[in-house]
């Protein structure tokens, strides 16, 4: 897990998590490592699918290219980062339109179900990124990542760590900041142990009962609030 740096000079056009959350109508949305997302529970596949027309029309109106995960239990809408660390300028208006329609349809927001899962691969003198990208059918992204081109599976980040105390690979789980404490406490109650809290409240490092590492993070939702001068 590494800190993200937002540079004020030459900043890309778009919204930060704080400016996104400051807009009206986005209370059902949270910002994870892949961008803003919302989840609305449904009673059936047909009920969830009723949200699709507004998703499509709002996407066209506000120049957003969302990902949609449609299931009988819920519909998940994401505004993925596409080559930038900023949320699209029209992202908040898109999010507000979708949330308003979900409310009209009786689809209840479920922020507790929002998350993204990434995998951090520790390396020691050997560049393993091409292997993992080839094995998974992923694409190389930037200098340190490999990503599913359709954003279905977890992204991989590669870091040079000569000796990792928790095992060479660990999982990063990004959840809404306001649900982070509950997720951490549930994992500890289920047999985990606290390995490092020096970065809290941005993330907590836990170890499973057999010492596999997990970072539970909420900082993607609140980074520029916690670091106003970054």
C-alpha atoms as a PDB file:
ATOM      1  CA  UNK A   1       0.000   0.000   0.000  1.00  0.00           C
ATOM      2  CA  UNK A   2       1.474   3.369  -0.994  1.00  0.00           C
ATOM      3  CA  UNK A   3       0.240   6.943  -0.665  1.00  0.00           C
ATOM      4  CA  UNK A   4      -1.221   8.615  -3.732  1.00  0.00           C
ATOM      5  CA  UNK A   5       0.117  12.085  -4.541  1.00  0.00           C
ATOM      6  CA  UNK A   6      -2.138  14.776  -5.991  1.00  0.00           C
ATOM      7  CA  UNK A   7      -0.165  17.606  -7.540  1.00  0.00           C
ATOM      8  CA  UNK A   8      -1.889  20.969  -7.620  1.00  0.00           C
ATOM      9  CA  UNK A   9       0.337  22.295 -10.386  1.00  0.00           C
ATOM     10  CA  UNK A  10      -0.642  21.047 -13.837  1.00  0.00           C
ATOM     11  CA  UNK A  11      -3.463  19.047 -12.263  1.00  0.00           C
ATOM     12  CA  UNK A  12      -5.604  17.145 -14.750  1.00  0.00           C
ATOM     13  CA  UNK A  13      -9.108  18.375 -15.447  1.00  0.00           C
ATOM     14  CA  UNK A  14     -11.690  16.627 -13.311  1.00  0.00           C
ATOM     15  CA  UNK A  15     -12.854  16.113  -9.758  1.00  0.00           C
ATOM     16  CA  UNK A  16     -11.014  14.921  -6.669  1.00  0.00           C
ATOM     17  CA  UNK A  17     -12.877  12.707  -4.185  1.00  0.00           C
ATOM     18  CA  UNK A  18     -13.579  15.733  -1.977  1.00  0.00           C
ATOM     19  CA  UNK A  19     -14.958  17.860  -4.800  1.00  0.00           C
ATOM     20  CA  UNK A  20     -17.018  14.893  -6.001  1.00  0.00           C
ATOM     21  CA  UNK A  21     -18.527  14.349  -2.554  1.00  0.00           C
ATOM     22  CA  UNK A  22     -19.258  18.079  -2.210  1.00  0.00           C
ATOM     23  CA  UNK A  23     -21.709  17.962  -5.116  1.00  0.00           C
ATOM     24  CA  UNK A  24     -25.446  17.447  -4.528  1.00  0.00           C
ATOM     25  CA  UNK A  25     -27.073  14.078  -4.955  1.00  0.00           C
ATOM     26  CA  UNK A  26     -24.012  11.832  -4.515  1.00  0.00           C
ATOM     27  CA  UNK A  27     -24.533  10.636  -0.938  1.00  0.00           C
ATOM     28  CA  UNK A  28     -25.038   7.048  -2.136  1.00  0.00           C
ATOM     29  CA  UNK A  29     -21.662   6.989  -3.886  1.00  0.00           C
ATOM     30  CA  UNK A  30     -18.160   6.257  -2.588  1.00  0.00           C
ATOM     31  CA  UNK A  31     -14.725   6.592  -4.223  1.00  0.00           C
ATOM     32  CA  UNK A  32     -12.603   3.449  -4.283  1.00  0.00           C
ATOM     33  CA  UNK A  33      -9.288   2.691  -5.957  1.00  0.00           C
ATOM     34  CA  UNK A  34     -11.037   2.302  -9.325  1.00  0.00           C
ATOM     35  CA  UNK A  35     -13.133   5.477  -9.037  1.00  0.00           C
ATOM     36  CA  UNK A  36     -16.604   6.355  -7.718  1.00  0.00           C
ATOM     37  CA  UNK A  37     -19.145   3.603  -7.415  1.00  0.00           C
ATOM     38  CA  UNK A  38     -22.615   2.981  -6.054  1.00  0.00           C
ATOM     39  CA  UNK A  39     -24.520  -0.199  -5.290  1.00  0.00           C
ATOM     40  CA  UNK A  40     -28.320  -0.459  -5.176  1.00  0.00           C
ATOM     41  CA  UNK A  41     -30.081  -3.560  -3.856  1.00  0.00           C
ATOM     42  CA  UNK A  42     -32.886  -5.042  -5.932  1.00  0.00           C
ATOM     43  CA  UNK A  43     -35.525  -7.749  -5.643  1.00  0.00           C
ATOM     44  CA  UNK A  44     -34.914  -9.224  -9.095  1.00  0.00           C
ATOM     45  CA  UNK A  45     -32.898  -8.900 -12.275  1.00  0.00           C
ATOM     46  CA  UNK A  46     -35.782  -7.086 -13.941  1.00  0.00           C
ATOM     47  CA  UNK A  47     -36.016  -4.595 -11.075  1.00  0.00           C
ATOM     48  CA  UNK A  48     -32.293  -3.836 -11.238  1.00  0.00           C
ATOM     49  CA  UNK A  49     -32.392  -3.509 -15.023  1.00  0.00           C
ATOM     50  CA  UNK A  50     -34.951  -0.695 -14.792  1.00  0.00           C
ATOM     51  CA  UNK A  51     -32.095   1.596 -13.821  1.00  0.00           C
ATOM     52  CA  UNK A  52     -30.234   1.004 -17.083  1.00  0.00           C
ATOM     53  CA  UNK A  53     -32.073   3.558 -19.293  1.00  0.00           C
ATOM     54  CA  UNK A  54     -31.100   6.426 -16.995  1.00  0.00           C
ATOM     55  CA  UNK A  55     -27.542   5.105 -16.672  1.00  0.00           C
ATOM     56  CA  UNK A  56     -27.234   5.181 -20.457  1.00  0.00           C
ATOM     57  CA  UNK A  57     -28.884   8.562 -20.987  1.00  0.00           C
ATOM     58  CA  UNK A  58     -26.972  10.239 -18.158  1.00  0.00           C
ATOM     59  CA  UNK A  59     -23.703   8.722 -19.390  1.00  0.00           C
ATOM     60  CA  UNK A  60     -24.262  10.313 -22.796  1.00  0.00           C
ATOM     61  CA  UNK A  61     -25.375  13.646 -21.335  1.00  0.00           C
ATOM     62  CA  UNK A  62     -22.449  14.028 -18.921  1.00  0.00           C
ATOM     63  CA  UNK A  63     -19.698  12.372 -21.010  1.00  0.00           C
ATOM     64  CA  UNK A  64     -19.094   9.493 -18.614  1.00  0.00           C
ATOM     65  CA  UNK A  65     -18.201   5.908 -19.568  1.00  0.00           C
ATOM     66  CA  UNK A  66     -19.484   3.825 -16.646  1.00  0.00           C
ATOM     67  CA  UNK A  67     -19.081   0.156 -15.860  1.00  0.00           C
ATOM     68  CA  UNK A  68     -22.295  -1.624 -14.875  1.00  0.00           C
ATOM     69  CA  UNK A  69     -22.544  -4.914 -12.987  1.00  0.00           C
ATOM     70  CA  UNK A  70     -26.142  -6.132 -13.219  1.00  0.00           C
ATOM     71  CA  UNK A  71     -27.285  -8.913 -10.919  1.00  0.00           C
ATOM     72  CA  UNK A  72     -30.563 -10.101  -9.436  1.00  0.00           C
ATOM     73  CA  UNK A  73     -29.440  -9.008  -5.970  1.00  0.00           C
ATOM     74  CA  UNK A  74     -28.106  -5.577  -6.901  1.00  0.00           C
ATOM     75  CA  UNK A  75     -26.797  -3.286  -9.591  1.00  0.00           C
ATOM     76  CA  UNK A  76     -23.344  -1.757  -9.237  1.00  0.00           C
ATOM     77  CA  UNK A  77     -22.374   1.320 -11.252  1.00  0.00           C
ATOM     78  CA  UNK A  78     -18.779   2.516 -11.397  1.00  0.00           C
ATOM     79  CA  UNK A  79     -17.120   5.557 -12.937  1.00  0.00           C
ATOM     80  CA  UNK A  80     -13.701   4.036 -13.648  1.00  0.00           C
ATOM     81  CA  UNK A  81     -10.527   6.044 -13.885  1.00  0.00           C
ATOM     82  CA  UNK A  82      -9.480   5.989 -17.530  1.00  0.00           C
ATOM     83  CA  UNK A  83      -5.906   7.201 -17.847  1.00  0.00           C
ATOM     84  CA  UNK A  84      -6.208   9.825 -15.119  1.00  0.00           C
ATOM     85  CA  UNK A  85      -6.371   9.967 -11.337  1.00  0.00           C
ATOM     86  CA  UNK A  86      -9.214  12.473 -11.522  1.00  0.00           C
ATOM     87  CA  UNK A  87     -12.942  11.744 -11.706  1.00  0.00           C
ATOM     88  CA  UNK A  88     -14.524  12.985 -14.962  1.00  0.00           C
ATOM     89  CA  UNK A  89     -15.874  16.528 -14.728  1.00  0.00           C
ATOM     90  CA  UNK A  90     -19.419  15.314 -15.345  1.00  0.00           C
ATOM     91  CA  UNK A  91     -19.098  12.422 -12.911  1.00  0.00           C
ATOM     92  CA  UNK A  92     -20.992  14.010 -10.031  1.00  0.00           C
ATOM     93  CA  UNK A  93     -23.930  15.033 -12.200  1.00  0.00           C
ATOM     94  CA  UNK A  94     -24.054  11.542 -13.681  1.00  0.00           C
ATOM     95  CA  UNK A  95     -23.946  10.055 -10.176  1.00  0.00           C
ATOM     96  CA  UNK A  96     -26.718  12.335  -8.965  1.00  0.00           C
ATOM     97  CA  UNK A  97     -28.997  11.466 -11.881  1.00  0.00           C
ATOM     98  CA  UNK A  98     -28.482   7.722 -11.353  1.00  0.00           C
ATOM     99  CA  UNK A  99     -29.048   7.949  -7.596  1.00  0.00           C
ATOM    100  CA  UNK A 100     -32.232   9.982  -8.047  1.00  0.00           C
ATOM    101  CA  UNK A 101     -33.655   7.412 -10.458  1.00  0.00           C
ATOM    102  CA  UNK A 102     -32.657   4.535  -8.169  1.00  0.00           C
ATOM    103  CA  UNK A 103     -34.593   6.215  -5.378  1.00  0.00           C
ATOM    104  CA  UNK A 104     -37.627   6.675  -7.610  1.00  0.00           C
ATOM    105  CA  UNK A 105     -37.497   2.975  -8.526  1.00  0.00           C
ATOM    106  CA  UNK A 106     -37.227   1.887  -4.893  1.00  0.00           C
ATOM    107  CA  UNK A 107     -33.701   0.496  -5.242  1.00  0.00           C
ATOM    108  CA  UNK A 108     -32.070   0.932  -1.847  1.00  0.00           C
ATOM    109  CA  UNK A 109     -28.443   2.131  -1.692  1.00  0.00           C
ATOM    110  CA  UNK A 110     -26.014  -0.401  -0.230  1.00  0.00           C
ATOM    111  CA  UNK A 111     -22.703   1.379   0.503  1.00  0.00           C
ATOM    112  CA  UNK A 112     -21.703  -1.551   2.721  1.00  0.00           C
ATOM    113  CA  UNK A 113     -21.382  -3.679  -0.442  1.00  0.00           C
ATOM    114  CA  UNK A 114     -19.053  -1.243  -2.208  1.00  0.00           C
ATOM    115  CA  UNK A 115     -15.439  -2.363  -2.496  1.00  0.00           C
ATOM    116  CA  UNK A 116     -12.568  -3.011  -4.837  1.00  0.00           C
ATOM    117  CA  UNK A 117      -9.893  -5.644  -4.383  1.00  0.00           C
ATOM    118  CA  UNK A 118      -6.315  -5.262  -5.629  1.00  0.00           C
ATOM    119  CA  UNK A 119      -3.279  -7.504  -5.193  1.00  0.00           C
ATOM    120  CA  UNK A 120       0.178  -6.206  -4.283  1.00  0.00           C
ATOM    121  CA  UNK A 121       3.012  -8.464  -5.469  1.00  0.00           C
ATOM    122  CA  UNK A 122       6.332  -8.074  -3.689  1.00  0.00           C
ATOM    123  CA  UNK A 123       9.423  -8.510  -5.865  1.00  0.00           C
ATOM    124  CA  UNK A 124      13.062  -8.958  -4.994  1.00  0.00           C
ATOM    125  CA  UNK A 125      15.368  -8.289  -7.929  1.00  0.00           C
ATOM    126  CA  UNK A 126      13.178  -9.989 -10.556  1.00  0.00           C
ATOM    127  CA  UNK A 127      10.563  -8.232 -12.682  1.00  0.00           C
ATOM    128  CA  UNK A 128       7.601 -10.616 -12.517  1.00  0.00           C
ATOM    129  CA  UNK A 129       5.016  -8.197 -13.938  1.00  0.00           C
ATOM    130  CA  UNK A 130       5.218  -9.480 -17.556  1.00  0.00           C
ATOM    131  CA  UNK A 131       4.642 -13.040 -16.346  1.00  0.00           C
ATOM    132  CA  UNK A 132       1.566 -12.196 -14.295  1.00  0.00           C
ATOM    133  CA  UNK A 133       0.143 -10.020 -17.056  1.00  0.00           C
ATOM    134  CA  UNK A 134       0.573 -12.818 -19.605  1.00  0.00           C
ATOM    135  CA  UNK A 135      -0.822 -15.511 -17.307  1.00  0.00           C
ATOM    136  CA  UNK A 136      -3.919 -13.455 -16.442  1.00  0.00           C
ATOM    137  CA  UNK A 137      -4.444 -11.870 -19.857  1.00  0.00           C
ATOM    138  CA  UNK A 138      -3.873  -8.456 -18.273  1.00  0.00           C
ATOM    139  CA  UNK A 139      -2.385  -5.275 -19.730  1.00  0.00           C
ATOM    140  CA  UNK A 140       0.635  -3.436 -18.351  1.00  0.00           C
ATOM    141  CA  UNK A 141      -0.357  -0.069 -16.889  1.00  0.00           C
ATOM    142  CA  UNK A 142       2.125   2.649 -15.961  1.00  0.00           C
ATOM    143  CA  UNK A 143       5.392   1.463 -14.469  1.00  0.00           C
ATOM    144  CA  UNK A 144       4.117  -0.693 -11.618  1.00  0.00           C
ATOM    145  CA  UNK A 145       0.674  -2.132 -12.425  1.00  0.00           C
ATOM    146  CA  UNK A 146      -1.078  -4.777 -14.488  1.00  0.00           C
ATOM    147  CA  UNK A 147      -4.815  -4.493 -15.049  1.00  0.00           C
ATOM    148  CA  UNK A 148      -7.717  -6.482 -16.401  1.00  0.00           C
ATOM    149  CA  UNK A 149      -8.651  -4.657 -19.636  1.00  0.00           C
ATOM    150  CA  UNK A 150     -12.336  -5.043 -18.749  1.00  0.00           C
ATOM    151  CA  UNK A 151     -11.837  -4.253 -15.043  1.00  0.00           C
ATOM    152  CA  UNK A 152     -13.382  -7.534 -13.895  1.00  0.00           C
ATOM    153  CA  UNK A 153     -10.574  -8.971 -11.803  1.00  0.00           C
ATOM    154  CA  UNK A 154      -8.352  -7.274  -9.238  1.00  0.00           C
ATOM    155  CA  UNK A 155      -5.552  -5.081 -10.494  1.00  0.00           C
ATOM    156  CA  UNK A 156      -1.984  -6.029  -9.607  1.00  0.00           C
ATOM    157  CA  UNK A 157       0.662  -3.652  -8.278  1.00  0.00           C
ATOM    158  CA  UNK A 158       4.325  -4.651  -8.133  1.00  0.00           C
ATOM    159  CA  UNK A 159       6.727  -3.346  -5.516  1.00  0.00           C
ATOM    160  CA  UNK A 160      10.374  -4.022  -4.795  1.00  0.00           C
ATOM    161  CA  UNK A 161      10.482  -5.404  -1.241  1.00  0.00           C
ATOM    162  CA  UNK A 162      13.640  -7.366  -0.363  1.00  0.00           C
ATOM    163  CA  UNK A 163      12.012  -9.145   2.563  1.00  0.00           C
ATOM    164  CA  UNK A 164       8.297  -9.151   3.311  1.00  0.00           C
ATOM    165  CA  UNK A 165       7.386 -10.247   6.824  1.00  0.00           C
ATOM    166  CA  UNK A 166       3.811 -11.240   5.978  1.00  0.00           C
ATOM    167  CA  UNK A 167       4.461 -13.230   2.853  1.00  0.00           C
ATOM    168  CA  UNK A 168       5.471 -11.962  -0.552  1.00  0.00           C
ATOM    169  CA  UNK A 169       2.009 -11.088  -1.825  1.00  0.00           C
ATOM    170  CA  UNK A 170      -0.870  -9.439  -0.018  1.00  0.00           C
ATOM    171  CA  UNK A 171      -4.377  -8.226  -0.818  1.00  0.00           C
ATOM    172  CA  UNK A 172      -5.476  -4.587  -0.744  1.00  0.00           C
ATOM    173  CA  UNK A 173      -9.190  -4.152  -0.035  1.00  0.00           C
ATOM    174  CA  UNK A 174     -10.662  -0.695  -0.585  1.00  0.00           C
ATOM    175  CA  UNK A 175     -13.969   0.022   1.158  1.00  0.00           C
ATOM    176  CA  UNK A 176     -15.875   3.242   1.893  1.00  0.00           C
ATOM    177  CA  UNK A 177     -14.144   5.223   4.620  1.00  0.00           C
ATOM    178  CA  UNK A 178     -17.305   5.237   6.733  1.00  0.00           C
ATOM    179  CA  UNK A 179     -17.433   1.420   6.650  1.00  0.00           C
ATOM    180  CA  UNK A 180     -13.735   0.791   7.248  1.00  0.00           C
ATOM    181  CA  UNK A 181     -13.901   0.364  11.032  1.00  0.00           C
ATOM    182  CA  UNK A 182     -16.713  -2.177  10.769  1.00  0.00           C
ATOM    183  CA  UNK A 183     -14.845  -4.209   8.140  1.00  0.00           C
ATOM    184  CA  UNK A 184     -11.627  -4.142  10.200  1.00  0.00           C
ATOM    185  CA  UNK A 185     -13.424  -5.204  13.387  1.00  0.00           C
ATOM    186  CA  UNK A 186     -15.206  -8.035  11.574  1.00  0.00           C
ATOM    187  CA  UNK A 187     -11.898  -9.339  10.211  1.00  0.00           C
ATOM    188  CA  UNK A 188     -10.281  -9.197  13.657  1.00  0.00           C
ATOM    189  CA  UNK A 189     -13.247 -10.969  15.234  1.00  0.00           C
ATOM    190  CA  UNK A 190     -12.970 -13.672  12.559  1.00  0.00           C
ATOM    191  CA  UNK A 191      -9.438 -14.558  13.640  1.00  0.00           C
ATOM    192  CA  UNK A 192      -7.257 -11.867  12.103  1.00  0.00           C
ATOM    193  CA  UNK A 193      -4.672  -9.858  13.993  1.00  0.00           C
ATOM    194  CA  UNK A 194      -3.564  -6.254  13.727  1.00  0.00           C
ATOM    195  CA  UNK A 195      -0.105  -6.154  12.151  1.00  0.00           C
ATOM    196  CA  UNK A 196       0.358  -2.389  11.671  1.00  0.00           C
ATOM    197  CA  UNK A 197      -1.776   0.657  12.423  1.00  0.00           C
ATOM    198  CA  UNK A 198       0.877   3.299  11.717  1.00  0.00           C
ATOM    199  CA  UNK A 199      -1.010   4.477   8.610  1.00  0.00           C
ATOM    200  CA  UNK A 200      -4.449   4.579  10.229  1.00  0.00           C
ATOM    201  CA  UNK A 201      -7.022   5.885   9.495  1.00  0.00           C
ATOM    202  CA  UNK A 202      -5.925   5.699   5.850  1.00  0.00           C
ATOM    203  CA  UNK A 203      -5.404   1.952   6.022  1.00  0.00           C
ATOM    204  CA  UNK A 204      -4.956  -0.853   8.524  1.00  0.00           C
ATOM    205  CA  UNK A 205      -2.643  -3.786   7.940  1.00  0.00           C
ATOM    206  CA  UNK A 206      -4.024  -7.100   9.165  1.00  0.00           C
ATOM    207  CA  UNK A 207      -2.720 -10.641   9.072  1.00  0.00           C
ATOM    208  CA  UNK A 208      -4.859 -13.713   8.595  1.00  0.00           C
ATOM    209  CA  UNK A 209      -4.630 -16.587  11.107  1.00  0.00           C
ATOM    210  CA  UNK A 210      -1.934 -18.138   8.888  1.00  0.00           C
ATOM    211  CA  UNK A 211      -0.094 -14.811   8.487  1.00  0.00           C
ATOM    212  CA  UNK A 212      -1.179 -13.694   5.010  1.00  0.00           C
ATOM    213  CA  UNK A 213      -1.293  -9.924   4.712  1.00  0.00           C
ATOM    214  CA  UNK A 214      -4.371  -7.784   4.058  1.00  0.00           C
ATOM    215  CA  UNK A 215      -4.513  -4.000   3.873  1.00  0.00           C
ATOM    216  CA  UNK A 216      -7.984  -2.601   4.567  1.00  0.00           C
ATOM    217  CA  UNK A 217      -8.124   0.914   3.152  1.00  0.00           C
ATOM    218  CA  UNK A 218     -10.565   3.790   2.980  1.00  0.00           C
ATOM    219  CA  UNK A 219      -8.159   6.535   1.960  1.00  0.00           C
ATOM    220  CA  UNK A 220      -9.200   6.662  -1.695  1.00  0.00           C
ATOM    221  CA  UNK A 221     -12.499   8.161  -0.530  1.00  0.00           C
ATOM    222  CA  UNK A 222     -10.951  10.828   1.712  1.00  0.00           C
ATOM    223  CA  UNK A 223      -7.381  11.414   0.471  1.00  0.00           C
ATOM    224  CA  UNK A 224      -7.655  15.130  -0.257  1.00  0.00           C
ATOM    225  CA  UNK A 225      -9.611  15.706   2.961  1.00  0.00           C
ATOM    226  CA  UNK A 226      -6.874  14.061   5.038  1.00  0.00           C
ATOM    227  CA  UNK A 227      -4.097  15.750   3.015  1.00  0.00           C
ATOM    228  CA  UNK A 228      -5.382  19.215   2.069  1.00  0.00           C
ATOM    229  CA  UNK A 229      -1.941  20.507   1.016  1.00  0.00           C
ATOM    230  CA  UNK A 230      -0.930  17.438  -1.011  1.00  0.00           C
END
